[in-house]
Amino acid sequence: MIVVSDAGLSTPDKDARIAELEAALAAAHADISARDILIDTLRVQIARLKRMQFGKSSEKLDTQIAQLELALEELEGEAIVAAARRADLAEADRPSPVRALPAHLPRE
């Protein structure tokens, strides 16, 4: 979890922090895209291997299919966990609003 505190930062420091966070976000999006592409590739390979399954070397294909299905399940599980984590972070990152004191209260 990235904690963002802008207290005491000058405008150039804030701009640098924004650029750093944008770079981290772009890297995270690239990782997610790569994982999604890998998931799609594995699904296509599994479908192709299932079609080829009825031949001489079907036993070898069965083990390959099983291994690819396990890898696919693991990647899909990671994708679900990552999505849940992103949702939790989005909810947790909302700062509480700062409210002014009512006018009738004494101030020092």
Foldseek 3Di string as FASTA:
>chain_A
DDDDDCPPPDPVRVVVVVVVVVVVVVVVVVVLVVLVVVLVVLVVVLVVLVVVLPDDPNVVSVVVNVVSVVVNVVSVVVVVVVVVVVVVCVVVPDDDDDDDDDPVDDDD
